Amino acid sequence: MTVPPLAAYPATRLRRLRQADWSRRMVRETSLQPSDLIWSMVVHEGEGRIPVASMPGVDRLSIAEAAKAAIAARELGIPCIAIFPHIDGARKDAEGSLAAEEDGVICRAIKAMKAAAPEVGIMCDVALDPFTTHGHDGVLKDGRVVNDATIERLVEQALVQARAGCDILAPSDMMDGRVGAIRAALEAEGLQDVMIMSYAAKYASAFYGPYRDAIGSGKLGSGDVANPGDKKTYQMDPANTEEAIREVALDIAEGADMVMVKPGMPYLDIARRLVDEFAMPTFAFQVSGEYAMIMAAAQNGWIDEERAILESLGAFKRAGCAGIITYFAPRVAKMLRG
């Protein structure tokens, strides 16, 4: 047999490694595990489960249901649950006073979930928007969200959550200096072991709409001249990258243990750059709009639902994220465990 010249065929055929499932798994560069997931969950003050219309498959959970969910998370290998409150609109006020309520729904949920499954971490949002009539993340004065007065309220909220047993405080308000103020308050109260995962690079995004539905947030720009129609004066401009570096550097210097990029998929470049720049545990939030888009497309038969979910989450790991906050967490953990 005549041996053809070497140049007649490619010396390297990358497809050899792709030809079987076992070989693809053997050389896979990144993997997704239940331990990479933080379960994003909305709790409410009533009973039972209430479906969220804009997020098929997601329910608001009562405190009793949240406690059951904590047990499920433990069984599924999900290490942490991030809880967000749905508050009756009649109980809200312009100052977001209920955010610091010691017997409020968040504090009661923390205690119930930790009693049910103490091995599961609980992360709490530190922001006023679920509690304010105007839906902004801070205190309004003359049509502007004021920074330092808002921080005072956030510190109160953070301490109440920490005393109730929250493991990770996650300030999502984007006020300047709030991480340092919260860290100082925790140290002063002997709560130095409470972690802070800062929403360090949170963008003024169009992808938050279904979340606002889920928590019953006040309507921005509802006609009141003192109520701005968006959050662009405190959340980041989607066009900016360098600003994210500065924001993260400040939060690390102020005492953040972990940092977060929000939203997730449209900002994978930001996540990758933060990982490379700071070598800090960096998380991404696969937000409500990302969830809703996948589910809507899947329900219309336009994409393969399970493959799209896994591919979207795998992208965060490929970008270098330590983990992902996602509404898909329990479903994906079941898929990964078979």
C-alpha atoms as a PDB file:
ATOM      1  CA  MET A   1       0.000   0.000   0.000  1.00  0.00           C
ATOM      2  CA  THR A   2       1.305   3.413  -0.925  1.00  0.00           C
ATOM      3  CA  VAL A   3       1.351   5.797   2.038  1.00  0.00           C
ATOM      4  CA  PRO A   4       0.018   9.214   1.010  1.00  0.00           C
ATOM      5  CA  PRO A   5       2.126  12.267   1.704  1.00  0.00           C
ATOM      6  CA  LEU A   6       1.641  13.681   5.201  1.00  0.00           C
ATOM      7  CA  ALA A   7       0.386  16.941   3.752  1.00  0.00           C
ATOM      8  CA  ALA A   8      -2.493  15.161   2.028  1.00  0.00           C
ATOM      9  CA  TYR A   9      -4.484  14.904   5.284  1.00  0.00           C
ATOM     10  CA  PRO A  10      -4.693  17.092   8.409  1.00  0.00           C
ATOM     11  CA  ALA A  11      -2.290  15.943  11.106  1.00  0.00           C
ATOM     12  CA  THR A  12      -4.708  17.102  13.783  1.00  0.00           C
ATOM     13  CA  ARG A  13      -8.380  16.192  13.718  1.00  0.00           C
ATOM     14  CA  LEU A  14     -10.144  17.835  16.632  1.00  0.00           C
ATOM     15  CA  ARG A  15     -13.283  15.878  15.867  1.00  0.00           C
ATOM     16  CA  ARG A  16     -11.633  12.724  17.210  1.00  0.00           C
ATOM     17  CA  LEU A  17     -12.186  14.046  20.742  1.00  0.00           C
ATOM     18  CA  ARG A  18     -15.852  14.795  20.008  1.00  0.00           C
ATOM     19  CA  GLN A  19     -16.864  11.463  18.524  1.00  0.00           C
ATOM     20  CA  ALA A  20     -18.285   9.852  21.683  1.00  0.00           C
ATOM     21  CA  ASP A  21     -20.030  11.009  24.840  1.00  0.00           C
ATOM     22  CA  TRP A  22     -17.325   9.514  27.065  1.00  0.00           C
ATOM     23  CA  SER A  23     -14.517  11.305  25.236  1.00  0.00           C
ATOM     24  CA  ARG A  24     -16.375  14.603  25.245  1.00  0.00           C
ATOM     25  CA  ARG A  25     -16.852  14.290  28.995  1.00  0.00           C
ATOM     26  CA  MET A  26     -13.232  13.295  29.525  1.00  0.00           C
ATOM     27  CA  VAL A  27     -11.808  16.446  27.910  1.00  0.00           C
ATOM     28  CA  ARG A  28     -14.522  18.892  28.995  1.00  0.00           C
ATOM     29  CA  GLU A  29     -12.915  22.144  30.157  1.00  0.00           C
ATOM     30  CA  THR A  30     -15.659  23.341  32.496  1.00  0.00           C
ATOM     31  CA  SER A  31     -18.405  21.536  34.358  1.00  0.00           C
ATOM     32  CA  LEU A  32     -21.595  22.570  36.129  1.00  0.00           C
ATOM     33  CA  GLN A  33     -22.444  21.073  39.522  1.00  0.00           C
ATOM     34  CA  PRO A  34     -25.295  21.614  42.017  1.00  0.00           C
ATOM     35  CA  SER A  35     -22.720  23.264  44.283  1.00  0.00           C
ATOM     36  CA  ASP A  36     -22.354  26.036  41.675  1.00  0.00           C
ATOM     37  CA  LEU A  37     -25.967  27.127  42.137  1.00  0.00           C
ATOM     38  CA  ILE A  38     -27.636  29.633  44.439  1.00  0.00           C
ATOM     39  CA  TRP A  39     -31.411  29.241  44.391  1.00  0.00           C
ATOM     40  CA  SER A  40     -33.185  32.564  43.871  1.00  0.00           C
ATOM     41  CA  MET A  41     -36.531  32.522  45.686  1.00  0.00           C
ATOM     42  CA  VAL A  42     -39.351  34.955  46.521  1.00  0.00           C
ATOM     43  CA  VAL A  43     -41.133  34.586  49.861  1.00  0.00           C
ATOM     44  CA  HIS A  44     -44.480  36.119  50.747  1.00  0.00           C
ATOM     45  CA  GLU A  45     -46.437  36.869  53.900  1.00  0.00           C
ATOM     46  CA  GLY A  46     -49.422  34.609  53.214  1.00  0.00           C
ATOM     47  CA  GLU A  47     -49.984  30.883  52.861  1.00  0.00           C
ATOM     48  CA  GLY A  48     -49.025  28.362  50.217  1.00  0.00           C
ATOM     49  CA  ARG A  49     -47.520  28.976  46.800  1.00  0.00           C
ATOM     50  CA  ILE A  50     -48.531  31.742  44.381  1.00  0.00           C
ATOM     51  CA  PRO A  51     -47.454  31.405  40.722  1.00  0.00           C
ATOM     52  CA  VAL A  52     -45.625  34.351  39.149  1.00  0.00           C
ATOM     53  CA  ALA A  53     -47.355  34.962  35.815  1.00  0.00           C
ATOM     54  CA  SER A  54     -44.300  36.347  34.019  1.00  0.00           C
ATOM     55  CA  MET A  55     -42.021  33.531  35.224  1.00  0.00           C
ATOM     56  CA  PRO A  56     -43.541  30.143  34.350  1.00  0.00           C
ATOM     57  CA  GLY A  57     -42.535  27.549  36.927  1.00  0.00           C
ATOM     58  CA  VAL A  58     -41.656  30.096  39.633  1.00  0.00           C
ATOM     59  CA  ASP A  59     -43.899  30.560  42.687  1.00  0.00           C
ATOM     60  CA  ARG A  60     -43.840  32.951  45.588  1.00  0.00           C
ATOM     61  CA  LEU A  61     -43.420  30.749  48.648  1.00  0.00           C
ATOM     62  CA  SER A  62     -44.921  31.072  52.104  1.00  0.00           C
ATOM     63  CA  ILE A  63     -42.555  30.783  55.047  1.00  0.00           C
ATOM     64  CA  ALA A  64     -43.612  27.167  55.571  1.00  0.00           C
ATOM     65  CA  GLU A  65     -42.988  26.389  51.892  1.00  0.00           C
ATOM     66  CA  ALA A  66     -39.624  28.169  52.038  1.00  0.00           C
ATOM     67  CA  ALA A  67     -38.607  25.923  54.937  1.00  0.00           C
ATOM     68  CA  LYS A  68     -39.526  22.881  52.812  1.00  0.00           C
ATOM     69  CA  ALA A  69     -37.483  24.353  49.968  1.00  0.00           C
ATOM     70  CA  ALA A  70     -34.456  24.619  52.244  1.00  0.00           C
ATOM     71  CA  ILE A  71     -34.732  20.901  52.976  1.00  0.00           C
ATOM     72  CA  ALA A  72     -35.021  20.216  49.238  1.00  0.00           C
ATOM     73  CA  ALA A  73     -31.929  22.328  48.588  1.00  0.00           C
ATOM     74  CA  ARG A  74     -29.981  20.279  51.116  1.00  0.00           C
ATOM     75  CA  GLU A  75     -31.058  17.041  49.454  1.00  0.00           C
ATOM     76  CA  LEU A  76     -30.184  18.373  45.991  1.00  0.00           C
ATOM     77  CA  GLY A  77     -26.731  19.602  47.008  1.00  0.00           C
ATOM     78  CA  ILE A  78     -27.577  23.296  46.497  1.00  0.00           C
ATOM     79  CA  PRO A  79     -25.406  25.162  49.009  1.00  0.00           C
ATOM     80  CA  CYS A  80     -27.283  28.445  49.335  1.00  0.00           C
ATOM     81  CA  ILE A  81     -30.677  30.111  48.830  1.00  0.00           C
ATOM     82  CA  ALA A  82     -31.123  33.812  48.060  1.00  0.00           C
ATOM     83  CA  ILE A  83     -34.449  35.102  49.377  1.00  0.00           C
ATOM     84  CA  PHE A  84     -36.394  38.158  48.245  1.00  0.00           C
ATOM     85  CA  PRO A  85     -39.642  39.462  49.777  1.00  0.00           C
ATOM     86  CA  HIS A  86     -43.074  40.116  48.339  1.00  0.00           C
ATOM     87  CA  ILE A  87     -44.714  42.747  50.530  1.00  0.00           C
ATOM     88  CA  ASP A  88     -48.378  43.728  50.554  1.00  0.00           C
ATOM     89  CA  GLY A  89     -48.552  47.103  48.819  1.00  0.00           C
ATOM     90  CA  ALA A  90     -50.820  48.471  51.551  1.00  0.00           C
ATOM     91  CA  ARG A  91     -48.022  48.008  54.094  1.00  0.00           C
ATOM     92  CA  LYS A  92     -45.336  49.863  52.142  1.00  0.00           C
ATOM     93  CA  ASP A  93     -44.282  53.460  52.615  1.00  0.00           C
ATOM     94  CA  ALA A  94     -41.983  55.948  50.902  1.00  0.00           C
ATOM     95  CA  GLU A  95     -39.139  55.225  53.342  1.00  0.00           C
ATOM     96  CA  GLY A  96     -39.251  51.431  53.077  1.00  0.00           C
ATOM     97  CA  SER A  97     -39.676  51.143  56.849  1.00  0.00           C
ATOM     98  CA  LEU A  98     -40.586  47.456  56.774  1.00  0.00           C
ATOM     99  CA  ALA A  99     -37.085  46.609  55.547  1.00  0.00           C
ATOM    100  CA  ALA A 100     -35.884  46.853  59.161  1.00  0.00           C
ATOM    101  CA  GLU A 101     -38.833  44.998  60.699  1.00  0.00           C
ATOM    102  CA  GLU A 102     -37.426  42.453  63.136  1.00  0.00           C
ATOM    103  CA  ASP A 103     -40.443  40.181  62.788  1.00  0.00           C
ATOM    104  CA  GLY A 104     -40.891  40.776  59.061  1.00  0.00           C
ATOM    105  CA  VAL A 105     -41.281  38.107  56.416  1.00  0.00           C
ATOM    106  CA  ILE A 106     -37.562  37.940  55.610  1.00  0.00           C
ATOM    107  CA  CYS A 107     -36.457  37.482  59.225  1.00  0.00           C
ATOM    108  CA  ARG A 108     -39.145  34.868  59.854  1.00  0.00           C
ATOM    109  CA  ALA A 109     -38.180  33.064  56.663  1.00  0.00           C
ATOM    110  CA  ILE A 110     -34.499  33.044  57.664  1.00  0.00           C
ATOM    111  CA  LYS A 111     -35.291  31.487  61.034  1.00  0.00           C
ATOM    112  CA  ALA A 112     -37.662  28.892  59.591  1.00  0.00           C
ATOM    113  CA  MET A 113     -35.263  27.874  56.831  1.00  0.00           C
ATOM    114  CA  LYS A 114     -32.241  27.650  59.141  1.00  0.00           C
ATOM    115  CA  ALA A 115     -34.280  25.566  61.609  1.00  0.00           C
ATOM    116  CA  ALA A 116     -35.333  23.208  58.816  1.00  0.00           C
ATOM    117  CA  ALA A 117     -31.950  22.887  57.101  1.00  0.00           C
ATOM    118  CA  PRO A 118     -29.119  24.576  59.015  1.00  0.00           C
ATOM    119  CA  GLU A 119     -26.593  23.201  56.508  1.00  0.00           C
ATOM    120  CA  VAL A 120     -27.978  25.436  53.749  1.00  0.00           C
ATOM    121  CA  GLY A 121     -26.693  29.006  53.553  1.00  0.00           C
ATOM    122  CA  ILE A 122     -29.166  31.897  53.401  1.00  0.00           C
ATOM    123  CA  MET A 123     -28.401  35.031  51.418  1.00  0.00           C
ATOM    124  CA  CYS A 124     -30.504  38.172  51.810  1.00  0.00           C
ATOM    125  CA  ASP A 125     -30.961  41.115  49.489  1.00  0.00           C
ATOM    126  CA  VAL A 126     -30.144  44.437  51.156  1.00  0.00           C
ATOM    127  CA  ALA A 127     -32.170  47.076  49.324  1.00  0.00           C
ATOM    128  CA  LEU A 128     -35.328  49.078  49.880  1.00  0.00           C
ATOM    129  CA  ASP A 129     -37.173  48.593  46.580  1.00  0.00           C
ATOM    130  CA  PRO A 130     -39.409  45.692  47.722  1.00  0.00           C
ATOM    131  CA  PHE A 131     -40.586  47.866  50.627  1.00  0.00           C
ATOM    132  CA  THR A 132     -41.076  51.306  49.058  1.00  0.00           C
ATOM    133  CA  THR A 133     -44.242  52.602  47.462  1.00  0.00           C
ATOM    134  CA  HIS A 134     -42.205  54.213  44.682  1.00  0.00           C
ATOM    135  CA  GLY A 135     -40.166  51.093  43.846  1.00  0.00           C
ATOM    136  CA  HIS A 136     -36.739  52.689  44.131  1.00  0.00           C
ATOM    137  CA  ASP A 137     -33.817  51.188  46.029  1.00  0.00           C
ATOM    138  CA  GLY A 138     -33.412  54.128  48.367  1.00  0.00           C
ATOM    139  CA  VAL A 139     -34.793  57.218  50.025  1.00  0.00           C
ATOM    140  CA  LEU A 140     -36.176  59.837  47.643  1.00  0.00           C
ATOM    141  CA  LYS A 141     -35.755  63.570  48.151  1.00  0.00           C
ATOM    142  CA  ASP A 142     -36.753  66.148  45.561  1.00  0.00           C
ATOM    143  CA  GLY A 143     -36.959  63.481  42.862  1.00  0.00           C
ATOM    144  CA  ARG A 144     -33.516  62.041  43.593  1.00  0.00           C
ATOM    145  CA  VAL A 145     -32.381  58.906  45.409  1.00  0.00           C
ATOM    146  CA  VAL A 146     -30.152  60.267  48.156  1.00  0.00           C
ATOM    147  CA  ASN A 147     -27.056  58.237  48.928  1.00  0.00           C
ATOM    148  CA  ASP A 148     -26.144  58.694  52.589  1.00  0.00           C
ATOM    149  CA  ALA A 149     -29.678  58.673  53.997  1.00  0.00           C
ATOM    150  CA  THR A 150     -30.280  55.461  52.086  1.00  0.00           C
ATOM    151  CA  ILE A 151     -27.160  53.874  53.559  1.00  0.00           C
ATOM    152  CA  GLU A 152     -28.466  54.538  57.069  1.00  0.00           C
ATOM    153  CA  ARG A 153     -31.609  52.541  56.245  1.00  0.00           C
ATOM    154  CA  LEU A 154     -29.598  49.788  54.573  1.00  0.00           C
ATOM    155  CA  VAL A 155     -27.409  49.341  57.653  1.00  0.00           C
ATOM    156  CA  GLU A 156     -30.526  48.935  59.788  1.00  0.00           C
ATOM    157  CA  GLN A 157     -31.897  46.365  57.354  1.00  0.00           C
ATOM    158  CA  ALA A 158     -28.603  44.461  57.183  1.00  0.00           C
ATOM    159  CA  LEU A 159     -28.280  44.223  60.956  1.00  0.00           C
ATOM    160  CA  VAL A 160     -31.821  42.927  61.356  1.00  0.00           C
ATOM    161  CA  GLN A 161     -31.167  40.225  58.769  1.00  0.00           C
ATOM    162  CA  ALA A 162     -27.811  39.293  60.299  1.00  0.00           C
ATOM    163  CA  ARG A 163     -29.290  38.997  63.785  1.00  0.00           C
ATOM    164  CA  ALA A 164     -31.993  36.704  62.388  1.00  0.00           C
ATOM    165  CA  GLY A 165     -29.318  34.312  61.130  1.00  0.00           C
ATOM    166  CA  CYS A 166     -28.594  35.404  57.557  1.00  0.00           C
ATOM    167  CA  ASP A 167     -25.255  34.028  56.382  1.00  0.00           C
ATOM    168  CA  ILE A 168     -24.602  36.333  53.416  1.00  0.00           C
ATOM    169  CA  LEU A 169     -25.747  39.925  53.068  1.00  0.00           C
ATOM    170  CA  ALA A 170     -26.067  41.029  49.455  1.00  0.00           C
ATOM    171  CA  PRO A 171     -26.429  44.807  49.103  1.00  0.00           C
ATOM    172  CA  SER A 172     -28.003  45.414  45.692  1.00  0.00           C
ATOM    173  CA  ASP A 173     -28.751  49.139  45.917  1.00  0.00           C
ATOM    174  CA  MET A 174     -25.569  50.498  44.309  1.00  0.00           C
ATOM    175  CA  MET A 175     -25.189  53.349  46.792  1.00  0.00           C
ATOM    176  CA  ASP A 176     -21.615  54.603  47.174  1.00  0.00           C
ATOM    177  CA  GLY A 177     -19.983  53.380  50.392  1.00  0.00           C
ATOM    178  CA  ARG A 178     -22.689  50.988  51.531  1.00  0.00           C
ATOM    179  CA  VAL A 179     -20.423  47.925  51.768  1.00  0.00           C
ATOM    180  CA  GLY A 180     -18.039  49.713  54.117  1.00  0.00           C
ATOM    181  CA  ALA A 181     -20.890  50.997  56.283  1.00  0.00           C
ATOM    182  CA  ILE A 182     -22.469  47.543  56.554  1.00  0.00           C
ATOM    183  CA  ARG A 183     -19.130  45.880  57.295  1.00  0.00           C
ATOM    184  CA  ALA A 184     -18.362  48.416  60.051  1.00  0.00           C
ATOM    185  CA  ALA A 185     -21.792  47.897  61.619  1.00  0.00           C
ATOM    186  CA  LEU A 186     -21.386  44.120  61.580  1.00  0.00           C
ATOM    187  CA  GLU A 187     -17.986  44.345  63.244  1.00  0.00           C
ATOM    188  CA  ALA A 188     -19.336  46.708  65.891  1.00  0.00           C
ATOM    189  CA  GLU A 189     -22.102  44.221  66.766  1.00  0.00           C
ATOM    190  CA  GLY A 190     -19.804  41.182  66.938  1.00  0.00           C
ATOM    191  CA  LEU A 191     -21.239  39.818  63.690  1.00  0.00           C
ATOM    192  CA  GLN A 192     -17.903  39.673  61.931  1.00  0.00           C
ATOM    193  CA  ASP A 193     -18.547  36.202  60.495  1.00  0.00           C
ATOM    194  CA  VAL A 194     -21.479  37.364  58.372  1.00  0.00           C
ATOM    195  CA  MET A 195     -20.363  37.471  54.746  1.00  0.00           C
ATOM    196  CA  ILE A 196     -21.030  40.183  52.180  1.00  0.00           C
ATOM    197  CA  MET A 197     -21.616  39.389  48.522  1.00  0.00           C
ATOM    198  CA  SER A 198     -21.744  42.774  46.893  1.00  0.00           C
ATOM    199  CA  TYR A 199     -23.836  43.501  43.827  1.00  0.00           C
ATOM    200  CA  ALA A 200     -20.686  45.254  42.718  1.00  0.00           C
ATOM    201  CA  ALA A 201     -21.446  45.607  39.002  1.00  0.00           C
ATOM    202  CA  LYS A 202     -25.223  45.978  38.751  1.00  0.00           C
ATOM    203  CA  TYR A 203     -26.392  47.505  35.518  1.00  0.00           C
ATOM    204  CA  ALA A 204     -29.488  49.606  34.774  1.00  0.00           C
ATOM    205  CA  SER A 205     -30.951  46.787  32.735  1.00  0.00           C
ATOM    206  CA  ALA A 206     -34.169  46.046  30.855  1.00  0.00           C
ATOM    207  CA  PHE A 207     -34.014  42.443  32.082  1.00  0.00           C
ATOM    208  CA  TYR A 208     -35.442  43.002  35.586  1.00  0.00           C
ATOM    209  CA  GLY A 209     -39.119  43.336  34.650  1.00  0.00           C
ATOM    210  CA  PRO A 210     -40.420  39.894  35.710  1.00  0.00           C
ATOM    211  CA  TYR A 211     -38.664  40.237  39.084  1.00  0.00           C
ATOM    212  CA  ARG A 212     -40.548  43.439  39.739  1.00  0.00           C
ATOM    213  CA  ASP A 213     -43.723  41.476  39.049  1.00  0.00           C
ATOM    214  CA  ALA A 214     -42.582  38.675  41.376  1.00  0.00           C
ATOM    215  CA  ILE A 215     -41.957  40.990  44.349  1.00  0.00           C
ATOM    216  CA  GLY A 216     -44.862  43.347  43.610  1.00  0.00           C
ATOM    217  CA  SER A 217     -42.522  46.306  43.292  1.00  0.00           C
ATOM    218  CA  GLY A 218     -43.874  49.832  43.174  1.00  0.00           C
ATOM    219  CA  LYS A 219     -44.203  51.243  39.689  1.00  0.00           C
ATOM    220  CA  LEU A 220     -41.365  53.560  38.714  1.00  0.00           C
ATOM    221  CA  GLY A 221     -42.359  56.931  37.299  1.00  0.00           C
ATOM    222  CA  SER A 222     -45.965  56.366  38.299  1.00  0.00           C
ATOM    223  CA  GLY A 223     -46.952  59.994  37.737  1.00  0.00           C
ATOM    224  CA  ASP A 224     -45.500  61.494  40.898  1.00  0.00           C
ATOM    225  CA  VAL A 225     -43.039  64.205  39.862  1.00  0.00           C
ATOM    226  CA  ALA A 226     -40.789  63.101  42.732  1.00  0.00           C
ATOM    227  CA  ASN A 227     -40.573  59.538  41.412  1.00  0.00           C
ATOM    228  CA  PRO A 228     -37.892  59.060  38.715  1.00  0.00           C
ATOM    229  CA  GLY A 229     -38.882  56.770  35.881  1.00  0.00           C
ATOM    230  CA  ASP A 230     -35.723  54.639  35.976  1.00  0.00           C
ATOM    231  CA  LYS A 231     -32.702  53.731  38.101  1.00  0.00           C
ATOM    232  CA  LYS A 232     -30.002  55.111  35.860  1.00  0.00           C
ATOM    233  CA  THR A 233     -28.649  57.569  38.442  1.00  0.00           C
ATOM    234  CA  TYR A 234     -27.471  54.744  40.705  1.00  0.00           C
ATOM    235  CA  GLN A 235     -27.274  51.535  38.655  1.00  0.00           C
ATOM    236  CA  MET A 236     -24.517  51.284  36.067  1.00  0.00           C
ATOM    237  CA  ASP A 237     -24.630  52.323  32.424  1.00  0.00           C
ATOM    238  CA  PRO A 238     -24.748  49.138  30.265  1.00  0.00           C
ATOM    239  CA  ALA A 239     -22.152  50.706  27.953  1.00  0.00           C
ATOM    240  CA  ASN A 240     -19.421  50.780  30.619  1.00  0.00           C
ATOM    241  CA  THR A 241     -16.660  48.321  31.451  1.00  0.00           C
ATOM    242  CA  GLU A 242     -13.973  50.356  33.210  1.00  0.00           C
ATOM    243  CA  GLU A 243     -16.536  51.636  35.673  1.00  0.00           C
ATOM    244  CA  ALA A 244     -17.189  48.037  36.752  1.00  0.00           C
ATOM    245  CA  ILE A 245     -13.525  47.660  37.646  1.00  0.00           C
ATOM    246  CA  ARG A 246     -13.676  50.758  39.824  1.00  0.00           C
ATOM    247  CA  GLU A 247     -16.913  49.655  41.506  1.00  0.00           C
ATOM    248  CA  VAL A 248     -15.548  46.220  42.340  1.00  0.00           C
ATOM    249  CA  ALA A 249     -12.241  47.582  43.602  1.00  0.00           C
ATOM    250  CA  LEU A 250     -14.090  49.906  45.984  1.00  0.00           C
ATOM    251  CA  ASP A 251     -16.343  47.143  47.328  1.00  0.00           C
ATOM    252  CA  ILE A 252     -13.394  44.820  47.926  1.00  0.00           C
ATOM    253  CA  ALA A 253     -11.551  47.583  49.753  1.00  0.00           C
ATOM    254  CA  GLU A 254     -14.642  48.187  51.895  1.00  0.00           C
ATOM    255  CA  GLY A 255     -14.860  44.554  53.019  1.00  0.00           C
ATOM    256  CA  ALA A 256     -16.813  42.529  50.467  1.00  0.00           C
ATOM    257  CA  ASP A 257     -16.025  38.809  50.583  1.00  0.00           C
ATOM    258  CA  MET A 258     -17.538  38.060  47.162  1.00  0.00           C
ATOM    259  CA  VAL A 259     -18.727  40.146  44.238  1.00  0.00           C
ATOM    260  CA  MET A 260     -21.531  39.801  41.729  1.00  0.00           C
ATOM    261  CA  VAL A 261     -22.345  40.827  38.177  1.00  0.00           C
ATOM    262  CA  LYS A 262     -26.002  41.504  37.381  1.00  0.00           C
ATOM    263  CA  PRO A 263     -27.567  40.699  34.930  1.00  0.00           C
ATOM    264  CA  GLY A 264     -25.669  37.626  33.845  1.00  0.00           C
ATOM    265  CA  MET A 265     -25.704  36.557  30.224  1.00  0.00           C
ATOM    266  CA  PRO A 266     -25.454  40.030  28.602  1.00  0.00           C
ATOM    267  CA  TYR A 267     -22.449  40.790  30.830  1.00  0.00           C
ATOM    268  CA  LEU A 268     -20.255  37.698  30.515  1.00  0.00           C
ATOM    269  CA  ASP A 269     -17.418  39.933  29.354  1.00  0.00           C
ATOM    270  CA  ILE A 270     -17.641  41.858  32.629  1.00  0.00           C
ATOM    271  CA  ALA A 271     -17.601  38.656  34.685  1.00  0.00           C
ATOM    272  CA  ARG A 272     -14.531  37.357  32.851  1.00  0.00           C
ATOM    273  CA  ARG A 273     -12.686  40.616  33.291  1.00  0.00           C
ATOM    274  CA  LEU A 274     -13.462  40.825  37.012  1.00  0.00           C
ATOM    275  CA  VAL A 275     -12.237  37.278  37.576  1.00  0.00           C
ATOM    276  CA  ASP A 276      -8.998  38.041  35.760  1.00  0.00           C
ATOM    277  CA  GLU A 277      -8.516  41.412  37.429  1.00  0.00           C
ATOM    278  CA  PHE A 278      -9.247  40.564  41.074  1.00  0.00           C
ATOM    279  CA  ALA A 279      -9.135  36.758  41.532  1.00  0.00           C
ATOM    280  CA  MET A 280     -12.082  37.162  43.901  1.00  0.00           C
ATOM    281  CA  PRO A 281     -15.041  34.765  44.129  1.00  0.00           C
ATOM    282  CA  THR A 282     -17.233  36.261  41.414  1.00  0.00           C
ATOM    283  CA  PHE A 283     -20.879  35.337  40.898  1.00  0.00           C
ATOM    284  CA  ALA A 284     -23.382  36.143  38.186  1.00  0.00           C
ATOM    285  CA  PHE A 285     -27.123  36.607  38.602  1.00  0.00           C
ATOM    286  CA  GLN A 286     -29.175  34.968  35.870  1.00  0.00           C
ATOM    287  CA  VAL A 287     -32.000  37.451  36.330  1.00  0.00           C
ATOM    288  CA  SER A 288     -35.744  37.164  35.877  1.00  0.00           C
ATOM    289  CA  GLY A 289     -35.726  38.441  32.299  1.00  0.00           C
ATOM    290  CA  GLU A 290     -33.163  35.852  31.275  1.00  0.00           C
ATOM    291  CA  TYR A 291     -35.271  33.133  32.906  1.00  0.00           C
ATOM    292  CA  ALA A 292     -38.475  34.401  31.282  1.00  0.00           C
ATOM    293  CA  MET A 293     -36.939  34.570  27.794  1.00  0.00           C
ATOM    294  CA  ILE A 294     -35.736  30.976  27.939  1.00  0.00           C
ATOM    295  CA  MET A 295     -39.087  29.736  29.239  1.00  0.00           C
ATOM    296  CA  ALA A 296     -41.126  31.742  26.734  1.00  0.00           C
ATOM    297  CA  ALA A 297     -39.067  30.522  23.788  1.00  0.00           C
ATOM    298  CA  ALA A 298     -39.206  26.943  25.053  1.00  0.00           C
ATOM    299  CA  GLN A 299     -42.964  27.038  25.555  1.00  0.00           C
ATOM    300  CA  ASN A 300     -43.350  28.236  21.973  1.00  0.00           C
ATOM    301  CA  GLY A 301     -41.249  25.329  20.763  1.00  0.00           C
ATOM    302  CA  TRP A 302     -38.490  27.584  19.467  1.00  0.00           C
ATOM    303  CA  ILE A 303     -35.666  26.124  21.574  1.00  0.00           C
ATOM    304  CA  ASP A 304     -34.930  22.911  23.446  1.00  0.00           C
ATOM    305  CA  GLU A 305     -35.742  23.900  27.023  1.00  0.00           C
ATOM    306  CA  GLU A 306     -33.377  21.690  29.019  1.00  0.00           C
ATOM    307  CA  ARG A 307     -30.450  22.152  26.640  1.00  0.00           C
ATOM    308  CA  ALA A 308     -30.908  25.928  26.642  1.00  0.00           C
ATOM    309  CA  ILE A 309     -31.015  26.051  30.441  1.00  0.00           C
ATOM    310  CA  LEU A 310     -27.843  24.007  30.837  1.00  0.00           C
ATOM    311  CA  GLU A 311     -26.040  25.883  28.061  1.00  0.00           C
ATOM    312  CA  SER A 312     -26.895  29.258  29.594  1.00  0.00           C
ATOM    313  CA  LEU A 313     -25.627  28.232  33.021  1.00  0.00           C
ATOM    314  CA  GLY A 314     -22.522  26.593  31.608  1.00  0.00           C
ATOM    315  CA  ALA A 315     -21.613  29.895  29.987  1.00  0.00           C
ATOM    316  CA  PHE A 316     -21.195  31.484  33.410  1.00  0.00           C
ATOM    317  CA  LYS A 317     -18.797  28.771  34.510  1.00  0.00           C
ATOM    318  CA  ARG A 318     -16.873  29.107  31.248  1.00  0.00           C
ATOM    319  CA  ALA A 319     -16.557  32.843  31.939  1.00  0.00           C
ATOM    320  CA  GLY A 320     -14.894  32.000  35.259  1.00  0.00           C
ATOM    321  CA  CYS A 321     -17.763  32.546  37.700  1.00  0.00           C
ATOM    322  CA  ALA A 322     -17.582  30.745  41.022  1.00  0.00           C
ATOM    323  CA  GLY A 323     -21.341  30.267  40.895  1.00  0.00           C
ATOM    324  CA  ILE A 324     -24.675  31.466  39.572  1.00  0.00           C
ATOM    325  CA  ILE A 325     -27.767  32.852  41.281  1.00  0.00           C
ATOM    326  CA  THR A 326     -30.665  31.422  39.306  1.00  0.00           C
ATOM    327  CA  TYR A 327     -34.367  30.583  39.480  1.00  0.00           C
ATOM    328  CA  PHE A 328     -33.532  27.351  37.650  1.00  0.00           C
ATOM    329  CA  ALA A 329     -31.449  26.011  40.567  1.00  0.00           C
ATOM    330  CA  PRO A 330     -33.660  23.175  41.870  1.00  0.00           C
ATOM    331  CA  ARG A 331     -34.577  21.985  38.408  1.00  0.00           C
ATOM    332  CA  VAL A 332     -30.974  22.024  37.206  1.00  0.00           C
ATOM    333  CA  ALA A 333     -29.710  20.284  40.333  1.00  0.00           C
ATOM    334  CA  LYS A 334     -32.166  17.463  39.619  1.00  0.00           C
ATOM    335  CA  MET A 335     -31.039  17.320  35.992  1.00  0.00           C
ATOM    336  CA  LEU A 336     -27.372  17.160  36.963  1.00  0.00           C
ATOM    337  CA  ARG A 337     -27.949  14.434  39.516  1.00  0.00           C
ATOM    338  CA  GLY A 338     -29.997  12.406  37.070  1.00  0.00           C
END
